[in-house]
Amino acid sequence: VELMTTFDDAYARELAQKLDEINNERKAIVQTITQEAAD
């Protein structure tokens, strides 16, 4: 919500990076669990 509503450009960039990293982490976790579930 801070990302969507902030007026601070540097902070917005930093939060967007953070969300992107979290999404990559999420993808990796999903891939691992999907593989374990398939077994």
All heavy atoms as atom14 arrays in JSON, in Angstrom:
{
  "sequence": "VELMTTFDDAYARELAQKLDEINNERKAIVQTITQEAAD",
  "atom14_mask": [
    [1, 1, 1, 1, 1, 1, 1, 0, 0, 0, 0, 0, 0, 0],
    [1, 1, 1, 1, 1, 1, 1, 1, 1, 0, 0, 0, 0, 0],
    [1, 1, 1, 1, 1, 1, 1, 1, 0, 0, 0, 0, 0, 0],
    [1, 1, 1, 1, 1, 1, 1, 1, 0, 0, 0, 0, 0, 0],
    [1, 1, 1, 1, 1, 1, 1, 0, 0, 0, 0, 0, 0, 0],
    [1, 1, 1, 1, 1, 1, 1, 0, 0, 0, 0, 0, 0, 0],
    [1, 1, 1, 1, 1, 1, 1, 1, 1, 1, 1, 0, 0, 0],
    [1, 1, 1, 1, 1, 1, 1, 1, 0, 0, 0, 0, 0, 0],
    [1, 1, 1, 1, 1, 1, 1, 1, 0, 0, 0, 0, 0, 0],
    [1, 1, 1, 1, 1, 0, 0, 0, 0, 0, 0, 0, 0, 0],
    [1, 1, 1, 1, 1, 1, 1, 1, 1, 1, 1, 1, 0, 0],
    [1, 1, 1, 1, 1, 0, 0, 0, 0, 0, 0, 0, 0, 0],
    [1, 1, 1, 1, 1, 1, 1, 1, 1, 1, 1, 0, 0, 0],
    [1, 1, 1, 1, 1, 1, 1, 1, 1, 0, 0, 0, 0, 0],
    [1, 1, 1, 1, 1, 1, 1, 1, 0, 0, 0, 0, 0, 0],
    [1, 1, 1, 1, 1, 0, 0, 0, 0, 0, 0, 0, 0, 0],
    [1, 1, 1, 1, 1, 1, 1, 1, 1, 0, 0, 0, 0, 0],
    [1, 1, 1, 1, 1, 1, 1, 1, 1, 0, 0, 0, 0, 0],
    [1, 1, 1, 1, 1, 1, 1, 1, 0, 0, 0, 0, 0, 0],
    [1, 1, 1, 1, 1, 1, 1, 1, 0, 0, 0, 0, 0, 0],
    [1, 1, 1, 1, 1, 1, 1, 1, 1, 0, 0, 0, 0, 0],
    [1, 1, 1, 1, 1, 1, 1, 1, 0, 0, 0, 0, 0, 0],
    [1, 1, 1, 1, 1, 1, 1, 1, 0, 0, 0, 0, 0, 0],
    [1, 1, 1, 1, 1, 1, 1, 1, 0, 0, 0, 0, 0, 0],
    [1, 1, 1, 1, 1, 1, 1, 1, 1, 0, 0, 0, 0, 0],
    [1, 1, 1, 1, 1, 1, 1, 1, 1, 1, 1, 0, 0, 0],
    [1, 1, 1, 1, 1, 1, 1, 1, 1, 0, 0, 0, 0, 0],
    [1, 1, 1, 1, 1, 0, 0, 0, 0, 0, 0, 0, 0, 0],
    [1, 1, 1, 1, 1, 1, 1, 1, 0, 0, 0, 0, 0, 0],
    [1, 1, 1, 1, 1, 1, 1, 0, 0, 0, 0, 0, 0, 0],
    [1, 1, 1, 1, 1, 1, 1, 1, 1, 0, 0, 0, 0, 0],
    [1, 1, 1, 1, 1, 1, 1, 0, 0, 0, 0, 0, 0, 0],
    [1, 1, 1, 1, 1, 1, 1, 1, 0, 0, 0, 0, 0, 0],
    [1, 1, 1, 1, 1, 1, 1, 0, 0, 0, 0, 0, 0, 0],
    [1, 1, 1, 1, 1, 1, 1, 1, 1, 0, 0, 0, 0, 0],
    [1, 1, 1, 1, 1, 1, 1, 1, 1, 0, 0, 0, 0, 0],
    [1, 1, 1, 1, 1, 0, 0, 0, 0, 0, 0, 0, 0, 0],
    [1, 1, 1, 1, 1, 0, 0, 0, 0, 0, 0, 0, 0, 0],
    [1, 1, 1, 1, 1, 1, 1, 1, 0, 0, 0, 0, 0, 0]
  ],
  "atom14_positions": [
    [[0.85, -1.2, 0.0], [0.0, 0.0, 0.0], [0.88, 1.24, 0.0], [0.6, 2.22, -0.7], [-0.97, 0.0, 1.21], [-1.79, 1.29, 1.25], [-1.89, -1.21, 1.16], [0.0, 0.0, 0.0], [0.0, 0.0, 0.0], [0.0, 0.0, 0.0], [0.0, 0.0, 0.0], [0.0, 0.0, 0.0], [0.0, 0.0, 0.0], [0.0, 0.0, 0.0]],
    [[2.0, 1.2, 0.74], [2.94, 2.33, 0.71], [3.42, 2.56, -0.72], [3.49, 3.69, -1.19], [4.16, 2.05, 1.61], [3.85, 2.07, 3.1], [5.05, 1.6, 3.92], [6.19, 2.05, 3.63], [4.85, 0.79, 4.84], [0.0, 0.0, 0.0], [0.0, 0.0, 0.0], [0.0, 0.0, 0.0], [0.0, 0.0, 0.0], [0.0, 0.0, 0.0]],
    [[3.75, 1.48, -1.42], [4.23, 1.6, -2.8], [3.18, 2.28, -3.68], [3.49, 3.17, -4.47], [4.56, 0.21, -3.36], [4.88, 0.17, -4.87], [6.2, 0.89, -5.16], [4.96, -1.26, -5.38], [0.0, 0.0, 0.0], [0.0, 0.0, 0.0], [0.0, 0.0, 0.0], [0.0, 0.0, 0.0], [0.0, 0.0, 0.0], [0.0, 0.0, 0.0]],
    [[1.92, 1.87, -3.52], [0.85, 2.39, -4.38], [0.53, 3.86, -4.07], [-0.03, 4.55, -4.91], [-0.42, 1.55, -4.2], [-0.34, 0.16, -4.82], [-0.4, 0.21, -6.61], [1.22, -0.27, -7.03], [0.0, 0.0, 0.0], [0.0, 0.0, 0.0], [0.0, 0.0, 0.0], [0.0, 0.0, 0.0], [0.0, 0.0, 0.0], [0.0, 0.0, 0.0]],
    [[0.86, 4.32, -2.86], [0.37, 5.65, -2.46], [1.49, 6.66, -2.15], [1.2, 7.8, -1.86], [-0.54, 5.53, -1.21], [0.2, 4.89, -0.15], [-1.78, 4.71, -1.51], [0.0, 0.0, 0.0], [0.0, 0.0, 0.0], [0.0, 0.0, 0.0], [0.0, 0.0, 0.0], [0.0, 0.0, 0.0], [0.0, 0.0, 0.0], [0.0, 0.0, 0.0]],
    [[2.77, 6.24, -2.25], [3.85, 7.16, -1.86], [4.07, 8.26, -2.91], [3.78, 8.09, -4.09], [5.17, 6.4, -1.63], [6.14, 7.33, -1.18], [5.68, 5.73, -2.89], [0.0, 0.0, 0.0], [0.0, 0.0, 0.0], [0.0, 0.0, 0.0], [0.0, 0.0, 0.0], [0.0, 0.0, 0.0], [0.0, 0.0, 0.0], [0.0, 0.0, 0.0]],
    [[4.62, 9.4, -2.43], [5.0, 10.48, -3.35], [6.52, 10.63, -3.4], [7.04, 11.56, -3.98], [4.37, 11.82, -2.89], [2.88, 11.84, -3.09], [2.02, 11.69, -2.01], [2.34, 12.0, -4.37], [0.64, 11.69, -2.2], [0.96, 12.01, -4.56], [0.11, 11.84, -3.48], [0.0, 0.0, 0.0], [0.0, 0.0, 0.0], [0.0, 0.0, 0.0]],
    [[7.23, 9.69, -2.78], [8.69, 9.77, -2.71], [9.26, 8.83, -3.77], [9.15, 7.61, -3.66], [9.12, 9.36, -1.29], [10.65, 9.32, -1.13], [11.36, 9.16, -2.15], [11.11, 9.44, 0.01], [0.0, 0.0, 0.0], [0.0, 0.0, 0.0], [0.0, 0.0, 0.0], [0.0, 0.0, 0.0], [0.0, 0.0, 0.0], [0.0, 0.0, 0.0]],
    [[9.89, 9.4, -4.81], [10.31, 8.61, -5.96], [11.36, 7.55, -5.6], [11.26, 6.4, -6.01], [10.87, 9.53, -7.05], [11.02, 8.78, -8.37], [9.99, 8.3, -8.89], [12.15, 8.63, -8.85], [0.0, 0.0, 0.0], [0.0, 0.0, 0.0], [0.0, 0.0, 0.0], [0.0, 0.0, 0.0], [0.0, 0.0, 0.0], [0.0, 0.0, 0.0]],
    [[12.36, 7.93, -4.79], [13.42, 6.99, -4.43], [12.84, 5.83, -3.61], [13.2, 4.66, -3.81], [14.51, 7.71, -3.63], [0.0, 0.0, 0.0], [0.0, 0.0, 0.0], [0.0, 0.0, 0.0], [0.0, 0.0, 0.0], [0.0, 0.0, 0.0], [0.0, 0.0, 0.0], [0.0, 0.0, 0.0], [0.0, 0.0, 0.0], [0.0, 0.0, 0.0]],
    [[11.92, 6.16, -2.7], [11.29, 5.14, -1.87], [10.44, 4.2, -2.74], [10.42, 2.97, -2.55], [10.44, 5.82, -0.79], [9.85, 4.89, 0.25], [10.63, 3.87, 0.82], [8.53, 5.03, 0.69], [10.09, 3.02, 1.78], [7.99, 4.19, 1.64], [8.77, 3.18, 2.18], [8.25, 2.33, 3.12], [0.0, 0.0, 0.0], [0.0, 0.0, 0.0]],
    [[9.74, 4.78, -3.72], [8.91, 3.99, -4.63], [9.77, 2.99, -5.41], [9.42, 1.82, -5.56], [8.16, 4.9, -5.6], [0.0, 0.0, 0.0], [0.0, 0.0, 0.0], [0.0, 0.0, 0.0], [0.0, 0.0, 0.0], [0.0, 0.0, 0.0], [0.0, 0.0, 0.0], [0.0, 0.0, 0.0], [0.0, 0.0, 0.0], [0.0, 0.0, 0.0]],
    [[10.95, 3.47, -5.87], [11.84, 2.58, -6.63], [12.29, 1.42, -5.75], [12.29, 0.26, -6.17], [13.05, 3.36, -7.15], [13.97, 2.46, -7.99], [15.25, 3.12, -8.48], [14.95, 4.27, -9.32], [15.35, 5.52, -9.02], [16.05, 5.76, -7.94], [15.05, 6.52, -9.82], [0.0, 0.0, 0.0], [0.0, 0.0, 0.0], [0.0, 0.0, 0.0]],
    [[12.67, 1.75, -4.52], [13.17, 0.75, -3.58], [12.08, -0.29, -3.26], [12.34, -1.5, -3.25], [13.6, 1.49, -2.3], [14.21, 0.64, -1.22], [14.31, 1.47, 0.09], [14.67, 2.67, 0.01], [14.0, 0.9, 1.14], [0.0, 0.0, 0.0], [0.0, 0.0, 0.0], [0.0, 0.0, 0.0], [0.0, 0.0, 0.0], [0.0, 0.0, 0.0]],
    [[10.84, 0.18, -3.04], [9.74, -0.75, -2.73], [9.41, -1.63, -3.94], [9.12, -2.82, -3.78], [8.49, 0.03, -2.3], [8.48, 0.56, -0.86], [7.28, 1.48, -0.64], [8.42, -0.59, 0.15], [0.0, 0.0, 0.0], [0.0, 0.0, 0.0], [0.0, 0.0, 0.0], [0.0, 0.0, 0.0], [0.0, 0.0, 0.0], [0.0, 0.0, 0.0]],
    [[9.45, -1.06, -5.14], [9.14, -1.84, -6.35], [10.17, -2.96, -6.52], [9.83, -4.1, -6.83], [9.12, -0.94, -7.58], [0.0, 0.0, 0.0], [0.0, 0.0, 0.0], [0.0, 0.0, 0.0], [0.0, 0.0, 0.0], [0.0, 0.0, 0.0], [0.0, 0.0, 0.0], [0.0, 0.0, 0.0], [0.0, 0.0, 0.0], [0.0, 0.0, 0.0]],
    [[11.46, -2.63, -6.28], [12.54, -3.63, -6.32], [12.24, -4.75, -5.33], [12.35, -5.92, -5.64], [13.87, -3.02, -5.87], [14.77, -2.37, -6.89], [14.87, -3.02, -8.26], [14.69, -2.31, -9.21], [15.17, -4.31, -8.39], [0.0, 0.0, 0.0], [0.0, 0.0, 0.0], [0.0, 0.0, 0.0], [0.0, 0.0, 0.0], [0.0, 0.0, 0.0]],
    [[11.83, -4.33, -4.13], [11.56, -5.29, -3.06], [10.43, -6.24, -3.47], [10.52, -7.45, -3.3], [11.21, -4.53, -1.77], [10.9, -5.45, -0.6], [10.58, -4.68, 0.67], [10.02, -5.63, 1.72], [9.71, -4.96, 2.99], [0.0, 0.0, 0.0], [0.0, 0.0, 0.0], [0.0, 0.0, 0.0], [0.0, 0.0, 0.0], [0.0, 0.0, 0.0]],
    [[9.36, -5.68, -4.05], [8.23, -6.52, -4.47], [8.65, -7.48, -5.58], [8.2, -8.63, -5.62], [7.06, -5.65, -4.96], [5.9, -5.57, -3.98], [6.3, -4.84, -2.71], [4.68, -4.91, -4.6], [0.0, 0.0, 0.0], [0.0, 0.0, 0.0], [0.0, 0.0, 0.0], [0.0, 0.0, 0.0], [0.0, 0.0, 0.0], [0.0, 0.0, 0.0]],
    [[9.54, -7.01, -6.46], [10.0, -7.86, -7.55], [10.84, -9.02, -7.0], [10.7, -10.17, -7.41], [10.83, -7.04, -8.54], [11.07, -7.8, -9.84], [10.11, -8.4, -10.35], [12.21, -7.82, -10.32], [0.0, 0.0, 0.0], [0.0, 0.0, 0.0], [0.0, 0.0, 0.0], [0.0, 0.0, 0.0], [0.0, 0.0, 0.0], [0.0, 0.0, 0.0]],
    [[11.71, -8.71, -6.02], [12.54, -9.76, -5.4], [11.66, -10.78, -4.68], [11.88, -11.99, -4.77], [13.53, -9.14, -4.4], [14.73, -8.49, -5.08], [15.44, -7.49, -4.17], [15.31, -7.59, -2.94], [16.11, -6.58, -4.72], [0.0, 0.0, 0.0], [0.0, 0.0, 0.0], [0.0, 0.0, 0.0], [0.0, 0.0, 0.0], [0.0, 0.0, 0.0]],
    [[10.65, -10.27, -3.95], [9.74, -11.18, -3.24], [9.02, -12.08, -4.23], [8.83, -13.27, -4.0], [8.72, -10.38, -2.39], [9.43, -9.72, -1.2], [7.59, -11.28, -1.88], [8.57, -8.77, -0.4], [0.0, 0.0, 0.0], [0.0, 0.0, 0.0], [0.0, 0.0, 0.0], [0.0, 0.0, 0.0], [0.0, 0.0, 0.0], [0.0, 0.0, 0.0]],
    [[8.65, -11.51, -5.4], [7.94, -12.32, -6.4], [8.86, -13.41, -6.97], [8.42, -14.54, -7.2], [7.42, -11.43, -7.54], [6.51, -12.2, -8.47], [5.6, -12.9, -8.03], [6.75, -12.1, -9.76], [0.0, 0.0, 0.0], [0.0, 0.0, 0.0], [0.0, 0.0, 0.0], [0.0, 0.0, 0.0], [0.0, 0.0, 0.0], [0.0, 0.0, 0.0]],
    [[10.15, -13.08, -7.16], [11.1, -14.11, -7.64], [11.28, -15.2, -6.6], [11.37, -16.39, -6.93], [12.45, -13.47, -7.98], [12.36, -12.66, -9.27], [11.53, -12.95, -10.13], [13.17, -11.63, -9.39], [0.0, 0.0, 0.0], [0.0, 0.0, 0.0], [0.0, 0.0, 0.0], [0.0, 0.0, 0.0], [0.0, 0.0, 0.0], [0.0, 0.0, 0.0]],
    [[11.32, -14.78, -5.34], [11.43, -15.75, -4.24], [10.19, -16.65, -4.23], [10.27, -17.87, -4.09], [11.53, -14.96, -2.94], [11.92, -15.76, -1.73], [11.86, -14.9, -0.45], [12.09, -13.66, -0.53], [11.57, -15.46, 0.6], [0.0, 0.0, 0.0], [0.0, 0.0, 0.0], [0.0, 0.0, 0.0], [0.0, 0.0, 0.0], [0.0, 0.0, 0.0]],
    [[9.02, -16.02, -4.43], [7.76, -16.76, -4.47], [7.79, -17.8, -5.59], [7.42, -18.96, -5.4], [6.61, -15.76, -4.69], [5.22, -16.32, -4.59], [4.49, -16.63, -5.86], [4.66, -15.79, -6.99], [4.48, -16.21, -8.23], [4.19, -17.47, -8.48], [4.63, -15.39, -9.25], [0.0, 0.0, 0.0], [0.0, 0.0, 0.0], [0.0, 0.0, 0.0]],
    [[8.28, -17.4, -6.77], [8.35, -18.34, -7.9], [9.23, -19.54, -7.56], [8.89, -20.68, -7.88], [8.94, -17.64, -9.13], [7.96, -16.76, -9.88], [8.62, -16.31, -11.18], [8.0, -15.04, -11.7], [8.85, -14.36, -12.68], [0.0, 0.0, 0.0], [0.0, 0.0, 0.0], [0.0, 0.0, 0.0], [0.0, 0.0, 0.0], [0.0, 0.0, 0.0]],
    [[10.39, -19.26, -6.92], [11.31, -20.34, -6.59], [10.68, -21.31, -5.59], [10.8, -22.53, -5.72], [12.6, -19.75, -6.01], [0.0, 0.0, 0.0], [0.0, 0.0, 0.0], [0.0, 0.0, 0.0], [0.0, 0.0, 0.0], [0.0, 0.0, 0.0], [0.0, 0.0, 0.0], [0.0, 0.0, 0.0], [0.0, 0.0, 0.0], [0.0, 0.0, 0.0]],
    [[9.98, -20.74, -4.59], [9.33, -21.59, -3.58], [8.25, -22.45, -4.25], [8.15, -23.66, -4.0], [8.71, -20.72, -2.46], [9.82, -20.03, -1.65], [7.83, -21.55, -1.52], [9.33, -18.99, -0.67], [0.0, 0.0, 0.0], [0.0, 0.0, 0.0], [0.0, 0.0, 0.0], [0.0, 0.0, 0.0], [0.0, 0.0, 0.0], [0.0, 0.0, 0.0]],
    [[7.47, -21.83, -5.13], [6.4, -22.56, -5.83], [7.0, -23.71, -6.64], [6.5, -24.83, -6.63], [5.59, -21.62, -6.76], [4.72, -22.42, -7.72], [4.72, -20.69, -5.93], [0.0, 0.0, 0.0], [0.0, 0.0, 0.0], [0.0, 0.0, 0.0], [0.0, 0.0, 0.0], [0.0, 0.0, 0.0], [0.0, 0.0, 0.0], [0.0, 0.0, 0.0]],
    [[8.12, -23.43, -7.32], [8.74, -24.46, -8.16], [9.21, -25.65, -7.32], [8.96, -26.81, -7.66], [9.93, -23.84, -8.91], [10.27, -24.63, -10.16], [11.37, -23.94, -10.96], [11.8, -22.84, -10.65], [11.83, -24.62, -11.99], [0.0, 0.0, 0.0], [0.0, 0.0, 0.0], [0.0, 0.0, 0.0], [0.0, 0.0, 0.0], [0.0, 0.0, 0.0]],
    [[9.85, -25.34, -6.18], [10.34, -26.4, -5.29], [9.19, -27.25, -4.77], [9.23, -28.48, -4.82], [11.09, -25.78, -4.08], [12.08, -24.91, -4.6], [11.75, -26.84, -3.23], [0.0, 0.0, 0.0], [0.0, 0.0, 0.0], [0.0, 0.0, 0.0], [0.0, 0.0, 0.0], [0.0, 0.0, 0.0], [0.0, 0.0, 0.0], [0.0, 0.0, 0.0]],
    [[8.14, -26.58, -4.27], [7.02, -27.33, -3.67], [6.28, -28.13, -4.74], [5.88, -29.27, -4.52], [6.06, -26.38, -2.9], [6.8, -25.67, -1.77], [4.87, -27.17, -2.33], [5.97, -24.7, -0.97], [0.0, 0.0, 0.0], [0.0, 0.0, 0.0], [0.0, 0.0, 0.0], [0.0, 0.0, 0.0], [0.0, 0.0, 0.0], [0.0, 0.0, 0.0]],
    [[6.12, -27.53, -5.93], [5.43, -28.24, -7.02], [6.18, -29.53, -7.35], [5.58, -30.58, -7.56], [5.31, -27.35, -8.28], [4.61, -26.16, -7.93], [4.55, -28.06, -9.39], [0.0, 0.0, 0.0], [0.0, 0.0, 0.0], [0.0, 0.0, 0.0], [0.0, 0.0, 0.0], [0.0, 0.0, 0.0], [0.0, 0.0, 0.0], [0.0, 0.0, 0.0]],
    [[7.52, -29.45, -7.36], [8.34, -30.63, -7.65], [8.18, -31.68, -6.55], [7.98, -32.87, -6.83], [9.82, -30.2, -7.76], [10.72, -31.28, -8.32], [10.19, -31.93, -9.58], [9.96, -31.27, -10.58], [9.94, -33.24, -9.55], [0.0, 0.0, 0.0], [0.0, 0.0, 0.0], [0.0, 0.0, 0.0], [0.0, 0.0, 0.0], [0.0, 0.0, 0.0]],
    [[8.21, -31.22, -5.28], [8.05, -32.16, -4.16], [6.65, -32.8, -4.19], [6.49, -33.99, -3.92], [8.28, -31.44, -2.82], [9.74, -31.07, -2.6], [9.97, -30.28, -1.31], [9.02, -30.18, -0.48], [11.08, -29.77, -1.12], [0.0, 0.0, 0.0], [0.0, 0.0, 0.0], [0.0, 0.0, 0.0], [0.0, 0.0, 0.0], [0.0, 0.0, 0.0]],
    [[5.65, -31.99, -4.54], [4.28, -32.5, -4.61], [4.16, -33.54, -5.73], [3.51, -34.58, -5.57], [3.29, -31.36, -4.83], [0.0, 0.0, 0.0], [0.0, 0.0, 0.0], [0.0, 0.0, 0.0], [0.0, 0.0, 0.0], [0.0, 0.0, 0.0], [0.0, 0.0, 0.0], [0.0, 0.0, 0.0], [0.0, 0.0, 0.0], [0.0, 0.0, 0.0]],
    [[4.82, -33.27, -6.86], [4.76, -34.2, -8.01], [5.32, -35.57, -7.63], [4.83, -36.6, -8.08], [5.55, -33.62, -9.19], [0.0, 0.0, 0.0], [0.0, 0.0, 0.0], [0.0, 0.0, 0.0], [0.0, 0.0, 0.0], [0.0, 0.0, 0.0], [0.0, 0.0, 0.0], [0.0, 0.0, 0.0], [0.0, 0.0, 0.0], [0.0, 0.0, 0.0]],
    [[6.33, -35.58, -6.75], [6.93, -36.85, -6.33], [6.01, -37.65, -5.41], [6.24, -38.83, -5.17], [8.26, -36.6, -5.6], [9.3, -36.0, -6.55], [9.13, -36.14, -7.77], [10.26, -35.37, -6.06], [0.0, 0.0, 0.0], [0.0, 0.0, 0.0], [0.0, 0.0, 0.0], [0.0, 0.0, 0.0], [0.0, 0.0, 0.0], [0.0, 0.0, 0.0]]
  ]
}
